[in-house]
Amino acid sequence: MLEHVELFFKSIFIDNMVFATFLGMCSYLAVSKKVTTAVGLGAAVIFVLAVTVPLNWLLDQYLLRDGALAWLGPEYADYNLSFLSFILFIATIATMVQLVEIVVEKFSPALYNSLGIFLPLIAVNCAILGGSLFMQSRDIQTLGLAFNYGLSSGIGWFLAILAIAAIREKIRYSNVPPPLRGLGITFIITGLMAIGFMSFGGMLTGGDEAPKEVEQNTAQKVEEDKIIEETKENTVSYNNAIINE
């Protein structure tokens, strides 16, 4: 139980998708002009992450990783299909996004129209793919923890876009210097909020980590930085392909 609570709060405040890894910034900046649209997109992101991360955990455990096919028989124990991770993860995400798009269009046409192109583009949102890749790199042990991680990561992204949307609605009537109006002041506020969220880093560690744990965290950080760069590169390539079509 303690492990679930720790992962929940760590994913929301310490490893926040926006303020810690800066994933999903396109939608974060574009759809945060109004609180209503930010709430709609944030709820969609929570649902997609809460569903796709556990599904991709199952794919990783029973299909993709080295030796995952052992349940089919001893002759399949040496197979390693991890090179298919990106393809299968994106396929799972795209399926869930299509489901969300159909539901939103059916029950809330106004929200569907206000979100515009950014609703189907959740499929190539860095934060969505990053959630599944971080789940894989952190070697989350159980399906319950995978669901917890997906849900809490979605809540963290939701809180980030909700906070910036509320602030942007307020500063619309504030005396912001002309050169900083629009995205300029938004980037500054995002940076300040990221610094604020960094203060949560000592919430779970308390400065008492053993040297071995510090080394493990450093190696994990390097791996996560690599995943972030790969995720962003793949997302940009996919977006460019969509635009060219």
Protein backbone atom coordinates (compact mmCIF):
# COMPACT_ATOMS: atom_id res chain seq x y z
CA MET A 1 0.00 0.00 0.00
CA LEU A 2 2.83 2.39 0.89
CA GLU A 3 4.43 1.70 -2.48
CA HIS A 4 1.22 2.75 -4.25
CA VAL A 5 0.93 5.97 -2.21
CA GLU A 6 4.59 6.85 -2.82
CA LEU A 7 4.30 6.24 -6.58
CA PHE A 8 1.06 8.24 -6.74
CA PHE A 9 2.43 11.40 -5.14
CA LYS A 10 5.83 11.09 -6.77
CA SER A 11 4.30 10.88 -10.25
CA ILE A 12 2.09 13.93 -9.64
CA PHE A 13 4.46 16.31 -7.89
CA ILE A 14 8.07 15.15 -8.29
CA ASP A 15 8.12 13.47 -11.72
CA ASN A 16 5.40 15.70 -13.19
CA MET A 17 5.21 15.16 -16.96
CA VAL A 18 5.19 18.90 -17.70
CA PHE A 19 7.33 20.47 -14.99
CA ALA A 20 9.94 17.71 -14.55
CA THR A 21 10.35 16.29 -18.07
CA PHE A 22 8.60 18.98 -20.19
CA LEU A 23 6.65 16.41 -22.20
CA GLY A 24 3.34 17.30 -23.88
CA MET A 25 4.23 20.99 -24.13
CA CYS A 26 2.50 21.52 -27.50
CA SER A 27 -0.97 20.76 -26.16
CA TYR A 28 -0.08 22.34 -22.81
CA LEU A 29 0.61 25.71 -24.44
CA ALA A 30 -2.03 25.62 -27.17
CA VAL A 31 -5.10 24.47 -25.21
CA SER A 32 -4.46 26.35 -21.95
CA LYS A 33 -6.09 29.64 -22.92
CA LYS A 34 -9.38 28.70 -21.23
CA VAL A 35 -10.01 26.62 -18.12
CA THR A 36 -12.95 24.77 -19.72
CA THR A 37 -10.92 23.44 -22.64
CA ALA A 38 -7.97 22.69 -20.34
CA VAL A 39 -10.22 20.59 -18.09
CA GLY A 40 -11.60 18.67 -21.08
CA LEU A 41 -8.19 17.90 -22.55
CA GLY A 42 -6.73 17.10 -19.12
CA ALA A 43 -9.52 14.62 -18.41
CA ALA A 44 -8.90 12.98 -21.80
CA VAL A 45 -5.18 12.68 -21.03
CA ILE A 46 -5.92 11.12 -17.63
CA PHE A 47 -8.17 8.52 -19.26
CA VAL A 48 -5.73 7.69 -22.06
CA LEU A 49 -2.76 7.35 -19.68
CA ALA A 50 -4.75 5.33 -17.13
CA VAL A 51 -5.76 2.84 -19.85
CA THR A 52 -2.70 2.70 -22.11
CA VAL A 53 0.01 2.37 -19.46
CA PRO A 54 -1.48 -0.86 -17.95
CA LEU A 55 -2.22 -2.23 -21.44
CA ASN A 56 1.33 -1.53 -22.56
CA TRP A 57 2.61 -3.08 -19.31
CA LEU A 58 0.81 -6.30 -20.28
CA LEU A 59 2.29 -6.11 -23.78
CA ASP A 60 5.76 -5.56 -22.34
CA GLN A 61 5.49 -8.37 -19.77
CA TYR A 62 3.94 -11.05 -21.97
CA LEU A 63 5.08 -10.16 -25.49
CA LEU A 64 7.92 -7.66 -25.88
CA ARG A 65 10.69 -8.09 -23.32
CA ASP A 66 13.41 -10.71 -23.51
CA GLY A 67 11.94 -14.08 -22.52
CA ALA A 68 8.38 -12.75 -22.33
CA LEU A 69 7.12 -15.44 -24.71
CA ALA A 70 8.16 -18.26 -22.39
CA TRP A 71 4.49 -18.81 -21.54
CA LEU A 72 4.05 -20.15 -25.10
CA GLY A 73 6.64 -22.86 -24.53
CA PRO A 74 10.37 -23.35 -23.88
CA GLU A 75 11.20 -22.94 -27.58
CA TYR A 76 10.01 -19.29 -27.46
CA ALA A 77 11.93 -18.33 -24.28
CA ASP A 78 14.85 -16.82 -26.22
CA TYR A 79 12.75 -14.47 -28.34
CA ASN A 80 13.13 -10.73 -27.75
CA LEU A 81 10.56 -8.47 -29.44
CA SER A 82 11.51 -5.27 -27.60
CA PHE A 83 12.29 -3.59 -30.95
CA LEU A 84 8.52 -3.50 -31.54
CA SER A 85 7.87 -1.42 -28.39
CA PHE A 86 7.39 1.92 -30.14
CA ILE A 87 5.06 0.50 -32.79
CA LEU A 88 2.83 -1.44 -30.40
CA PHE A 89 2.76 1.29 -27.76
CA ILE A 90 1.70 3.91 -30.33
CA ALA A 91 -0.90 1.52 -31.78
CA THR A 92 -2.44 1.04 -28.31
CA ILE A 93 -2.41 4.80 -27.66
CA ALA A 94 -3.96 5.62 -31.05
CA THR A 95 -6.78 3.13 -30.42
CA MET A 96 -7.63 4.67 -27.05
CA VAL A 97 -7.46 8.20 -28.46
CA GLN A 98 -9.92 7.27 -31.20
CA LEU A 99 -12.27 5.96 -28.52
CA VAL A 100 -11.94 9.21 -26.52
CA GLU A 101 -12.55 11.27 -29.66
CA ILE A 102 -15.74 9.36 -30.47
CA VAL A 103 -17.05 9.72 -26.90
CA VAL A 104 -16.26 13.46 -26.66
CA GLU A 105 -17.82 14.17 -30.07
CA LYS A 106 -20.95 12.24 -29.06
CA PHE A 107 -21.54 13.70 -25.61
CA SER A 108 -19.86 17.14 -25.77
CA PRO A 109 -19.76 18.61 -29.30
CA ALA A 110 -18.84 22.06 -27.93
CA LEU A 111 -15.76 20.68 -26.18
CA TYR A 112 -14.91 18.62 -29.26
CA ASN A 113 -14.97 21.76 -31.44
CA SER A 114 -12.98 23.84 -28.94
CA LEU A 115 -10.23 21.22 -28.66
CA GLY A 116 -9.99 20.99 -32.43
CA ILE A 117 -6.98 19.17 -33.85
CA PHE A 118 -5.38 18.74 -30.42
CA LEU A 119 -7.79 15.99 -29.39
CA PRO A 120 -6.70 13.48 -32.08
CA LEU A 121 -3.11 14.67 -31.60
CA ILE A 122 -3.17 13.17 -28.10
CA ALA A 123 -2.08 10.04 -29.97
CA VAL A 124 1.30 11.67 -30.64
CA ASN A 125 1.50 13.60 -27.37
CA CYS A 126 4.98 13.13 -25.89
CA ALA A 127 3.51 12.74 -22.40
CA ILE A 128 1.32 9.79 -23.43
CA LEU A 129 4.11 7.84 -25.09
CA GLY A 130 6.55 8.91 -22.38
CA GLY A 131 4.28 7.40 -19.71
CA SER A 132 4.52 3.96 -21.31
CA LEU A 133 8.26 4.25 -21.93
CA PHE A 134 8.96 5.38 -18.37
CA MET A 135 6.84 2.47 -17.12
CA GLN A 136 9.06 0.17 -19.16
CA SER A 137 12.37 1.74 -18.11
CA ARG A 138 11.47 1.85 -14.41
CA ASP A 139 10.56 -1.84 -14.51
CA ILE A 140 7.25 -1.42 -12.70
CA GLN A 141 6.47 -4.79 -11.17
CA THR A 142 2.69 -5.20 -11.11
CA LEU A 143 -0.35 -4.28 -13.18
CA GLY A 144 -1.77 -2.34 -10.22
CA LEU A 145 1.36 -0.18 -10.00
CA ALA A 146 1.24 0.37 -13.76
CA PHE A 147 -2.36 1.59 -13.50
CA ASN A 148 -1.40 3.77 -10.53
CA TYR A 149 1.49 5.29 -12.50
CA GLY A 150 -0.66 5.98 -15.57
CA LEU A 151 -3.46 7.55 -13.52
CA SER A 152 -1.16 9.69 -11.35
CA SER A 153 0.91 10.84 -14.33
CA GLY A 154 -2.32 11.91 -16.05
CA ILE A 155 -3.44 13.76 -12.92
CA GLY A 156 -0.08 15.54 -12.79
CA TRP A 157 -0.45 16.67 -16.41
CA PHE A 158 -4.06 17.69 -15.70
CA LEU A 159 -3.02 19.83 -12.71
CA ALA A 160 -0.29 21.49 -14.79
CA ILE A 161 -2.56 22.52 -17.67
CA LEU A 162 -5.37 23.51 -15.29
CA ALA A 163 -3.04 25.75 -13.27
CA ILE A 164 -1.58 27.51 -16.32
CA ALA A 165 -5.05 27.96 -17.85
CA ALA A 166 -6.35 29.61 -14.67
CA ILE A 167 -3.31 31.90 -14.55
CA ARG A 168 -3.60 32.81 -18.25
CA GLU A 169 -7.24 33.76 -17.80
CA LYS A 170 -6.22 36.05 -14.93
CA ILE A 171 -3.24 37.72 -16.62
CA ARG A 172 -5.38 38.49 -19.67
CA TYR A 173 -6.65 41.46 -17.66
CA SER A 174 -3.30 42.26 -16.04
CA ASN A 175 -0.75 44.86 -17.04
CA VAL A 176 1.75 42.54 -18.73
CA PRO A 177 4.58 44.31 -20.62
CA PRO A 178 3.80 44.22 -24.38
CA PRO A 179 6.91 42.19 -25.39
CA LEU A 180 5.94 39.42 -22.95
CA ARG A 181 2.26 39.10 -23.79
CA GLY A 182 1.09 35.73 -25.06
CA LEU A 183 3.57 32.85 -25.01
CA GLY A 184 6.36 34.96 -23.50
CA ILE A 185 4.74 35.37 -20.10
CA THR A 186 3.38 31.81 -20.34
CA PHE A 187 6.91 30.39 -20.65
CA ILE A 188 8.08 32.50 -17.70
CA ILE A 189 5.19 31.32 -15.52
CA THR A 190 5.77 27.71 -16.57
CA GLY A 191 9.43 28.00 -15.56
CA LEU A 192 8.51 29.46 -12.18
CA MET A 193 5.93 26.71 -11.62
CA ALA A 194 8.53 24.08 -12.55
CA ILE A 195 10.90 25.52 -9.93
CA GLY A 196 8.05 25.35 -7.40
CA PHE A 197 7.37 21.70 -8.23
CA MET A 198 11.08 20.91 -7.85
CA SER A 199 10.71 21.75 -4.17
CA PHE A 200 8.60 18.60 -3.78
CA GLY A 201 11.71 16.55 -4.56
CA GLY A 202 12.66 16.26 -0.91
CA MET A 203 9.20 15.12 0.12
CA LEU A 204 9.91 11.38 -0.21
CA THR A 205 13.70 11.21 0.05
CA GLY A 206 14.39 13.45 3.02
CA GLY A 207 18.09 13.50 2.11
CA ASP A 208 18.67 10.03 3.59
CA GLU A 209 19.27 8.05 0.44
CA ALA A 210 21.98 5.41 0.63
CA PRO A 211 24.88 5.72 -1.87
CA LYS A 212 23.64 2.67 -3.77
CA GLU A 213 20.20 4.20 -4.15
CA VAL A 214 21.77 7.45 -5.35
CA GLU A 215 23.72 5.54 -8.02
CA GLN A 216 20.55 3.73 -9.10
CA ASN A 217 18.64 7.02 -9.31
CA THR A 218 21.45 8.58 -11.37
CA ALA A 219 21.45 5.68 -13.83
CA GLN A 220 17.65 5.85 -14.01
CA LYS A 221 17.83 9.60 -14.67
CA VAL A 222 20.26 9.07 -17.56
CA GLU A 223 17.97 6.41 -19.04
CA GLU A 224 14.93 8.66 -18.65
CA ASP A 225 16.72 11.59 -20.34
CA LYS A 226 17.50 9.29 -23.26
CA ILE A 227 13.85 8.19 -23.44
CA ILE A 228 12.67 11.82 -23.38
CA GLU A 229 14.91 12.73 -26.32
CA GLU A 230 13.84 9.65 -28.31
CA THR A 231 10.16 10.33 -27.53
CA LYS A 232 10.39 13.93 -28.68
CA GLU A 233 12.24 12.97 -31.87
CA ASN A 234 9.69 10.27 -32.74
CA THR A 235 6.80 12.61 -31.95
CA VAL A 236 8.20 15.39 -34.13
CA SER A 237 8.76 12.96 -37.01
CA TYR A 238 5.23 11.58 -36.66
CA ASN A 239 3.72 15.08 -36.52
CA ASN A 240 5.65 16.12 -39.62
CA ALA A 241 4.41 13.04 -41.44
CA ILE A 242 0.81 13.92 -40.53
CA ILE A 243 1.28 17.54 -41.65
CA ASN A 244 2.85 16.48 -44.97
CA GLU A 245 -0.08 14.17 -45.67
